[in-house]
Amino acid sequence: MSNRRMARECALQSLYYADSAKTADTLQLTAYAEDFKQELGDCFPFCEELITGTANNLPAIDKLVSSYARNWTINRMSAVDRSILRMATYEMVFSPENTPVPAIIDEAIELAKKYSTENSSKFINGLLDQLKKERK
């Protein structure tokens, strides 16, 4: 597994924790990620950026995700799917990192396959694909 994928997994776990605990305290979130600092090595700043960027842009991200989620409210989505979508949307729209969009979507799909339900990867793919088409 690549270090960037590990960084995304770590960020997902932190964002899921924040969602479950109803907190957006970025210091608390990055402190949780500190446990993975040694494993992530040079990719730890990328993990921190995903966490803090997503948390700091949450209202705008939720508005975007909601606008593309037909017949779904953000609160109706599972916490894992919501966290994956938030992180991927942050990376696609707000991140200065400029990871290629197809790679971001592929990573989100893989996270959904690993951490969520059987249908989640299709749901996430469809929503992020719509976002990608609108952002061109």
N, C-alpha and C. Protein backbone atom coordinates (compact mmCIF):
# COMPACT_ATOMS: atom_id res chain seq x y z
N MET A 1 0.85 -1.18 0.00
CA MET A 1 0.00 0.00 0.00
C MET A 1 0.90 1.24 0.00
N SER A 2 0.54 2.21 -0.84
CA SER A 2 1.33 3.43 -0.92
C SER A 2 1.13 4.28 0.33
N ASN A 3 2.12 5.12 0.60
CA ASN A 3 2.01 6.00 1.76
C ASN A 3 0.88 7.02 1.61
N ARG A 4 0.61 7.44 0.37
CA ARG A 4 -0.49 8.38 0.17
C ARG A 4 -1.84 7.71 0.45
N ARG A 5 -1.96 6.43 0.09
CA ARG A 5 -3.19 5.71 0.42
C ARG A 5 -3.32 5.56 1.93
N MET A 6 -2.21 5.25 2.59
CA MET A 6 -2.23 5.16 4.05
C MET A 6 -2.60 6.50 4.66
N ALA A 7 -2.10 7.60 4.08
CA ALA A 7 -2.43 8.93 4.58
C ALA A 7 -3.93 9.19 4.44
N ARG A 8 -4.50 8.77 3.32
CA ARG A 8 -5.95 8.95 3.13
C ARG A 8 -6.73 8.09 4.13
N GLU A 9 -6.27 6.88 4.38
CA GLU A 9 -6.95 6.02 5.36
C GLU A 9 -6.89 6.64 6.75
N CYS A 10 -5.76 7.16 7.10
CA CYS A 10 -5.60 7.80 8.40
C CYS A 10 -6.50 9.03 8.49
N ALA A 11 -6.52 9.83 7.44
CA ALA A 11 -7.39 11.01 7.42
C ALA A 11 -8.85 10.60 7.52
N LEU A 12 -9.23 9.56 6.79
CA LEU A 12 -10.61 9.06 6.85
C LEU A 12 -10.97 8.66 8.28
N GLN A 13 -10.09 7.94 8.94
CA GLN A 13 -10.36 7.52 10.31
C GLN A 13 -10.53 8.73 11.23
N SER A 14 -9.70 9.74 11.04
CA SER A 14 -9.80 10.95 11.86
C SER A 14 -11.11 11.69 11.58
N LEU A 15 -11.47 11.81 10.30
CA LEU A 15 -12.71 12.50 9.95
C LEU A 15 -13.94 11.73 10.41
N TYR A 16 -13.88 10.40 10.33
CA TYR A 16 -14.97 9.57 10.82
C TYR A 16 -15.12 9.77 12.33
N TYR A 17 -13.99 9.78 13.03
CA TYR A 17 -14.00 10.01 14.47
C TYR A 17 -14.65 11.36 14.78
N ALA A 18 -14.25 12.39 14.03
CA ALA A 18 -14.80 13.74 14.26
C ALA A 18 -16.31 13.76 14.02
N ASP A 19 -16.74 13.08 12.97
CA ASP A 19 -18.16 13.03 12.64
C ASP A 19 -18.93 12.31 13.74
N SER A 20 -18.39 11.20 14.21
CA SER A 20 -19.06 10.41 15.25
C SER A 20 -19.09 11.16 16.58
N ALA A 21 -18.02 11.87 16.88
CA ALA A 21 -17.92 12.60 18.15
C ALA A 21 -18.52 14.00 18.06
N LYS A 22 -18.97 14.38 16.84
CA LYS A 22 -19.56 15.70 16.61
C LYS A 22 -18.58 16.81 17.00
N THR A 23 -17.34 16.67 16.56
CA THR A 23 -16.32 17.69 16.82
C THR A 23 -15.63 18.06 15.52
N ALA A 24 -15.20 19.28 15.44
CA ALA A 24 -14.42 19.72 14.28
C ALA A 24 -13.12 20.36 14.75
N ASP A 25 -12.72 20.02 15.97
CA ASP A 25 -11.50 20.56 16.55
C ASP A 25 -10.30 19.98 15.79
N THR A 26 -9.67 20.79 14.95
CA THR A 26 -8.58 20.27 14.11
C THR A 26 -7.38 19.84 14.93
N LEU A 27 -7.15 20.47 16.08
CA LEU A 27 -6.04 20.02 16.93
C LEU A 27 -6.28 18.61 17.44
N GLN A 28 -7.49 18.35 17.84
CA GLN A 28 -7.85 17.01 18.32
C GLN A 28 -7.75 15.99 17.17
N LEU A 29 -8.18 16.38 15.99
CA LEU A 29 -8.14 15.48 14.84
C LEU A 29 -6.71 15.16 14.42
N THR A 30 -5.87 16.16 14.37
CA THR A 30 -4.49 15.89 13.97
C THR A 30 -3.74 15.16 15.08
N ALA A 31 -4.15 15.36 16.33
CA ALA A 31 -3.53 14.59 17.43
C ALA A 31 -3.83 13.10 17.26
N TYR A 32 -5.06 12.78 16.83
CA TYR A 32 -5.40 11.39 16.56
C TYR A 32 -4.51 10.83 15.46
N ALA A 33 -4.25 11.63 14.45
CA ALA A 33 -3.42 11.19 13.32
C ALA A 33 -1.95 11.04 13.71
N GLU A 34 -1.52 11.71 14.76
CA GLU A 34 -0.12 11.63 15.20
C GLU A 34 0.33 10.19 15.45
N ASP A 35 -0.61 9.32 15.83
CA ASP A 35 -0.28 7.92 16.08
C ASP A 35 0.28 7.24 14.83
N PHE A 36 -0.01 7.80 13.66
CA PHE A 36 0.41 7.21 12.40
C PHE A 36 1.59 7.95 11.77
N LYS A 37 2.11 8.95 12.48
CA LYS A 37 3.16 9.81 11.91
C LYS A 37 4.37 9.02 11.44
N GLN A 38 4.84 8.10 12.24
CA GLN A 38 6.03 7.33 11.88
C GLN A 38 5.76 6.45 10.65
N GLU A 39 4.60 5.80 10.64
CA GLU A 39 4.24 4.94 9.50
C GLU A 39 4.11 5.74 8.20
N LEU A 40 3.57 6.94 8.30
CA LEU A 40 3.31 7.74 7.11
C LEU A 40 4.55 8.45 6.57
N GLY A 41 5.50 8.68 7.44
CA GLY A 41 6.74 9.32 7.01
C GLY A 41 6.50 10.64 6.31
N ASP A 42 7.01 10.77 5.09
CA ASP A 42 6.91 12.01 4.31
C ASP A 42 5.47 12.36 3.94
N CYS A 43 4.56 11.41 4.04
CA CYS A 43 3.16 11.66 3.67
C CYS A 43 2.32 12.17 4.83
N PHE A 44 2.93 12.29 6.02
CA PHE A 44 2.16 12.79 7.15
C PHE A 44 1.61 14.20 6.91
N PRO A 45 2.38 15.14 6.33
CA PRO A 45 1.80 16.45 6.05
C PRO A 45 0.60 16.39 5.10
N PHE A 46 0.62 15.45 4.16
CA PHE A 46 -0.53 15.26 3.27
C PHE A 46 -1.75 14.82 4.07
N CYS A 47 -1.56 13.92 5.01
CA CYS A 47 -2.65 13.46 5.88
C CYS A 47 -3.20 14.63 6.70
N GLU A 48 -2.30 15.40 7.29
CA GLU A 48 -2.72 16.57 8.07
C GLU A 48 -3.51 17.56 7.22
N GLU A 49 -3.05 17.77 5.99
CA GLU A 49 -3.73 18.70 5.08
C GLU A 49 -5.14 18.21 4.77
N LEU A 50 -5.30 16.90 4.52
CA LEU A 50 -6.63 16.36 4.26
C LEU A 50 -7.56 16.57 5.45
N ILE A 51 -7.04 16.34 6.64
CA ILE A 51 -7.85 16.48 7.86
C ILE A 51 -8.23 17.94 8.10
N THR A 52 -7.23 18.80 8.17
CA THR A 52 -7.51 20.20 8.51
C THR A 52 -8.26 20.91 7.37
N GLY A 53 -7.90 20.61 6.14
CA GLY A 53 -8.59 21.23 5.01
C GLY A 53 -10.05 20.85 4.95
N THR A 54 -10.33 19.58 5.17
CA THR A 54 -11.72 19.12 5.17
C THR A 54 -12.48 19.75 6.32
N ALA A 55 -11.91 19.72 7.51
CA ALA A 55 -12.58 20.29 8.69
C ALA A 55 -12.81 21.79 8.53
N ASN A 56 -11.83 22.50 7.99
CA ASN A 56 -11.94 23.95 7.87
C ASN A 56 -12.91 24.39 6.78
N ASN A 57 -13.18 23.53 5.82
CA ASN A 57 -14.08 23.86 4.71
C ASN A 57 -15.39 23.09 4.76
N LEU A 58 -15.70 22.52 5.92
CA LEU A 58 -16.84 21.61 6.05
C LEU A 58 -18.17 22.19 5.58
N PRO A 59 -18.54 23.41 5.94
CA PRO A 59 -19.84 23.92 5.47
C PRO A 59 -19.93 23.98 3.94
N ALA A 60 -18.89 24.47 3.30
CA ALA A 60 -18.89 24.55 1.83
C ALA A 60 -18.87 23.16 1.20
N ILE A 61 -18.12 22.25 1.80
CA ILE A 61 -18.05 20.87 1.29
C ILE A 61 -19.41 20.20 1.42
N ASP A 62 -20.04 20.33 2.57
CA ASP A 62 -21.36 19.72 2.77
C ASP A 62 -22.39 20.29 1.80
N LYS A 63 -22.31 21.58 1.52
CA LYS A 63 -23.22 22.20 0.57
C LYS A 63 -23.01 21.60 -0.82
N LEU A 64 -21.76 21.43 -1.23
CA LEU A 64 -21.46 20.83 -2.53
C LEU A 64 -21.94 19.39 -2.61
N VAL A 65 -21.60 18.60 -1.60
CA VAL A 65 -21.99 17.19 -1.59
C VAL A 65 -23.51 17.08 -1.63
N SER A 66 -24.19 17.88 -0.84
CA SER A 66 -25.66 17.86 -0.81
C SER A 66 -26.26 18.21 -2.16
N SER A 67 -25.63 19.12 -2.87
CA SER A 67 -26.18 19.54 -4.17
C SER A 67 -26.09 18.44 -5.22
N TYR A 68 -25.18 17.49 -5.05
CA TYR A 68 -25.03 16.40 -6.01
C TYR A 68 -25.67 15.09 -5.53
N ALA A 69 -26.05 15.02 -4.30
CA ALA A 69 -26.63 13.80 -3.73
C ALA A 69 -28.14 13.82 -3.91
N ARG A 70 -28.59 13.34 -5.03
CA ARG A 70 -30.03 13.33 -5.31
C ARG A 70 -30.75 12.36 -4.37
N ASN A 71 -31.81 12.85 -3.79
CA ASN A 71 -32.65 12.07 -2.87
C ASN A 71 -31.91 11.64 -1.60
N TRP A 72 -30.80 12.28 -1.29
CA TRP A 72 -30.05 11.99 -0.06
C TRP A 72 -29.69 13.30 0.62
N THR A 73 -29.86 13.35 1.92
CA THR A 73 -29.33 14.48 2.66
C THR A 73 -27.99 14.03 3.23
N ILE A 74 -27.16 14.97 3.55
CA ILE A 74 -25.83 14.65 4.08
C ILE A 74 -25.95 13.86 5.38
N ASN A 75 -26.95 14.17 6.18
CA ASN A 75 -27.13 13.48 7.46
C ASN A 75 -27.69 12.08 7.31
N ARG A 76 -28.29 11.80 6.17
CA ARG A 76 -28.86 10.46 5.93
C ARG A 76 -27.79 9.46 5.47
N MET A 77 -26.68 9.97 4.97
CA MET A 77 -25.59 9.10 4.51
C MET A 77 -24.91 8.45 5.70
N SER A 78 -24.30 7.29 5.46
CA SER A 78 -23.55 6.66 6.55
C SER A 78 -22.36 7.55 6.89
N ALA A 79 -21.90 7.48 8.11
CA ALA A 79 -20.78 8.32 8.56
C ALA A 79 -19.52 8.04 7.74
N VAL A 80 -19.31 6.78 7.36
CA VAL A 80 -18.12 6.44 6.56
C VAL A 80 -18.23 7.07 5.18
N ASP A 81 -19.37 6.89 4.51
CA ASP A 81 -19.56 7.47 3.18
C ASP A 81 -19.44 8.99 3.23
N ARG A 82 -20.05 9.58 4.22
CA ARG A 82 -20.01 11.03 4.38
C ARG A 82 -18.57 11.51 4.55
N SER A 83 -17.79 10.80 5.33
CA SER A 83 -16.39 11.18 5.56
C SER A 83 -15.56 11.02 4.29
N ILE A 84 -15.78 9.94 3.56
CA ILE A 84 -15.06 9.73 2.29
C ILE A 84 -15.42 10.83 1.30
N LEU A 85 -16.70 11.12 1.17
CA LEU A 85 -17.14 12.16 0.24
C LEU A 85 -16.60 13.53 0.63
N ARG A 86 -16.60 13.83 1.90
CA ARG A 86 -16.08 15.12 2.35
C ARG A 86 -14.60 15.26 2.02
N MET A 87 -13.84 14.22 2.32
CA MET A 87 -12.39 14.27 2.08
C MET A 87 -12.10 14.37 0.58
N ALA A 88 -12.77 13.57 -0.23
CA ALA A 88 -12.54 13.59 -1.67
C ALA A 88 -12.97 14.93 -2.27
N THR A 89 -14.08 15.48 -1.80
CA THR A 89 -14.53 16.78 -2.29
C THR A 89 -13.53 17.86 -1.92
N TYR A 90 -13.03 17.81 -0.69
CA TYR A 90 -12.00 18.78 -0.31
C TYR A 90 -10.81 18.68 -1.27
N GLU A 91 -10.37 17.48 -1.50
CA GLU A 91 -9.19 17.29 -2.33
C GLU A 91 -9.45 17.74 -3.78
N MET A 92 -10.64 17.49 -4.29
CA MET A 92 -10.96 17.86 -5.67
C MET A 92 -11.14 19.37 -5.83
N VAL A 93 -11.72 20.03 -4.84
CA VAL A 93 -12.13 21.42 -5.00
C VAL A 93 -11.20 22.42 -4.29
N PHE A 94 -10.76 22.08 -3.10
CA PHE A 94 -10.06 23.06 -2.28
C PHE A 94 -8.56 22.82 -2.10
N SER A 95 -8.08 21.67 -2.47
CA SER A 95 -6.70 21.30 -2.15
C SER A 95 -5.69 21.93 -3.11
N PRO A 96 -4.67 22.53 -2.55
CA PRO A 96 -3.61 23.07 -3.39
C PRO A 96 -2.68 21.96 -3.93
N GLU A 97 -2.87 20.78 -3.43
CA GLU A 97 -2.03 19.63 -3.80
C GLU A 97 -2.16 19.27 -5.27
N ASN A 98 -3.34 19.49 -5.83
CA ASN A 98 -3.63 19.21 -7.23
C ASN A 98 -3.36 17.77 -7.65
N THR A 99 -3.83 16.84 -6.86
CA THR A 99 -3.82 15.44 -7.25
C THR A 99 -4.78 15.29 -8.42
N PRO A 100 -4.43 14.51 -9.44
CA PRO A 100 -5.37 14.33 -10.56
C PRO A 100 -6.72 13.81 -10.07
N VAL A 101 -7.78 14.41 -10.57
CA VAL A 101 -9.14 14.08 -10.13
C VAL A 101 -9.46 12.59 -10.29
N PRO A 102 -9.09 11.95 -11.41
CA PRO A 102 -9.38 10.51 -11.51
C PRO A 102 -8.71 9.69 -10.38
N ALA A 103 -7.54 10.11 -9.96
CA ALA A 103 -6.86 9.41 -8.86
C ALA A 103 -7.61 9.62 -7.54
N ILE A 104 -8.11 10.82 -7.32
CA ILE A 104 -8.88 11.10 -6.10
C ILE A 104 -10.14 10.24 -6.07
N ILE A 105 -10.84 10.16 -7.19
CA ILE A 105 -12.06 9.36 -7.26
C ILE A 105 -11.74 7.89 -7.06
N ASP A 106 -10.68 7.39 -7.71
CA ASP A 106 -10.28 5.99 -7.53
C ASP A 106 -9.97 5.68 -6.07
N GLU A 107 -9.26 6.58 -5.42
CA GLU A 107 -8.92 6.37 -4.01
C GLU A 107 -10.17 6.36 -3.13
N ALA A 108 -11.10 7.24 -3.42
CA ALA A 108 -12.36 7.28 -2.66
C ALA A 108 -13.14 5.98 -2.84
N ILE A 109 -13.17 5.47 -4.05
CA ILE A 109 -13.86 4.21 -4.33
C ILE A 109 -13.20 3.06 -3.57
N GLU A 110 -11.88 3.03 -3.56
CA GLU A 110 -11.16 1.97 -2.84
C GLU A 110 -11.41 2.06 -1.34
N LEU A 111 -11.46 3.26 -0.80
CA LEU A 111 -11.77 3.42 0.63
C LEU A 111 -13.17 2.92 0.93
N ALA A 112 -14.11 3.23 0.04
CA ALA A 112 -15.49 2.77 0.24
C ALA A 112 -15.57 1.25 0.19
N LYS A 113 -14.85 0.63 -0.74
CA LYS A 113 -14.85 -0.83 -0.84
C LYS A 113 -14.28 -1.46 0.42
N LYS A 114 -13.28 -0.82 1.00
CA LYS A 114 -12.62 -1.38 2.17
C LYS A 114 -13.39 -1.12 3.47
N TYR A 115 -13.98 0.07 3.60
CA TYR A 115 -14.54 0.47 4.88
C TYR A 115 -16.06 0.60 4.93
N SER A 116 -16.73 0.49 3.79
CA SER A 116 -18.18 0.72 3.82
C SER A 116 -18.93 -0.46 3.21
N THR A 117 -20.14 -0.21 2.77
CA THR A 117 -21.01 -1.27 2.28
C THR A 117 -20.73 -1.60 0.81
N GLU A 118 -21.35 -2.64 0.35
CA GLU A 118 -21.17 -3.11 -1.03
C GLU A 118 -21.57 -2.05 -2.05
N ASN A 119 -22.64 -1.32 -1.78
CA ASN A 119 -23.14 -0.32 -2.73
C ASN A 119 -22.50 1.06 -2.59
N SER A 120 -21.74 1.26 -1.53
CA SER A 120 -21.18 2.59 -1.27
C SER A 120 -20.22 3.05 -2.35
N SER A 121 -19.42 2.14 -2.88
CA SER A 121 -18.44 2.55 -3.89
C SER A 121 -19.14 3.09 -5.14
N LYS A 122 -20.27 2.51 -5.50
CA LYS A 122 -21.03 2.99 -6.66
C LYS A 122 -21.65 4.37 -6.38
N PHE A 123 -22.19 4.52 -5.20
CA PHE A 123 -22.78 5.79 -4.80
C PHE A 123 -21.73 6.89 -4.80
N ILE A 124 -20.58 6.62 -4.19
CA ILE A 124 -19.50 7.60 -4.11
C ILE A 124 -18.95 7.92 -5.50
N ASN A 125 -18.77 6.89 -6.32
CA ASN A 125 -18.29 7.10 -7.68
C ASN A 125 -19.24 8.01 -8.46
N GLY A 126 -20.53 7.73 -8.39
CA GLY A 126 -21.51 8.53 -9.11
C GLY A 126 -21.53 9.98 -8.67
N LEU A 127 -21.50 10.19 -7.37
CA LEU A 127 -21.55 11.55 -6.85
C LEU A 127 -20.28 12.33 -7.22
N LEU A 128 -19.12 11.71 -7.04
CA LEU A 128 -17.86 12.40 -7.35
C LEU A 128 -17.70 12.62 -8.85
N ASP A 129 -18.22 11.69 -9.64
CA ASP A 129 -18.16 11.86 -11.09
C ASP A 129 -18.99 13.08 -11.53
N GLN A 130 -20.16 13.26 -10.91
CA GLN A 130 -20.98 14.43 -11.20
C GLN A 130 -20.23 15.71 -10.82
N LEU A 131 -19.61 15.69 -9.66
CA LEU A 131 -18.83 16.84 -9.20
C LEU A 131 -17.70 17.15 -10.19
N LYS A 132 -17.03 16.11 -10.64
CA LYS A 132 -15.93 16.28 -11.60
C LYS A 132 -16.42 16.93 -12.89
N LYS A 133 -17.55 16.46 -13.41
CA LYS A 133 -18.09 17.00 -14.66
C LYS A 133 -18.48 18.47 -14.51
N GLU A 134 -19.03 18.83 -13.37
CA GLU A 134 -19.46 20.21 -13.14
C GLU A 134 -18.28 21.14 -12.93
N ARG A 135 -17.17 20.62 -12.43
CA ARG A 135 -16.01 21.45 -12.09
C ARG A 135 -15.12 21.73 -13.29
N LYS A 136 -15.35 21.07 -14.41
CA LYS A 136 -14.49 21.24 -15.60
C LYS A 136 -14.62 22.62 -16.19
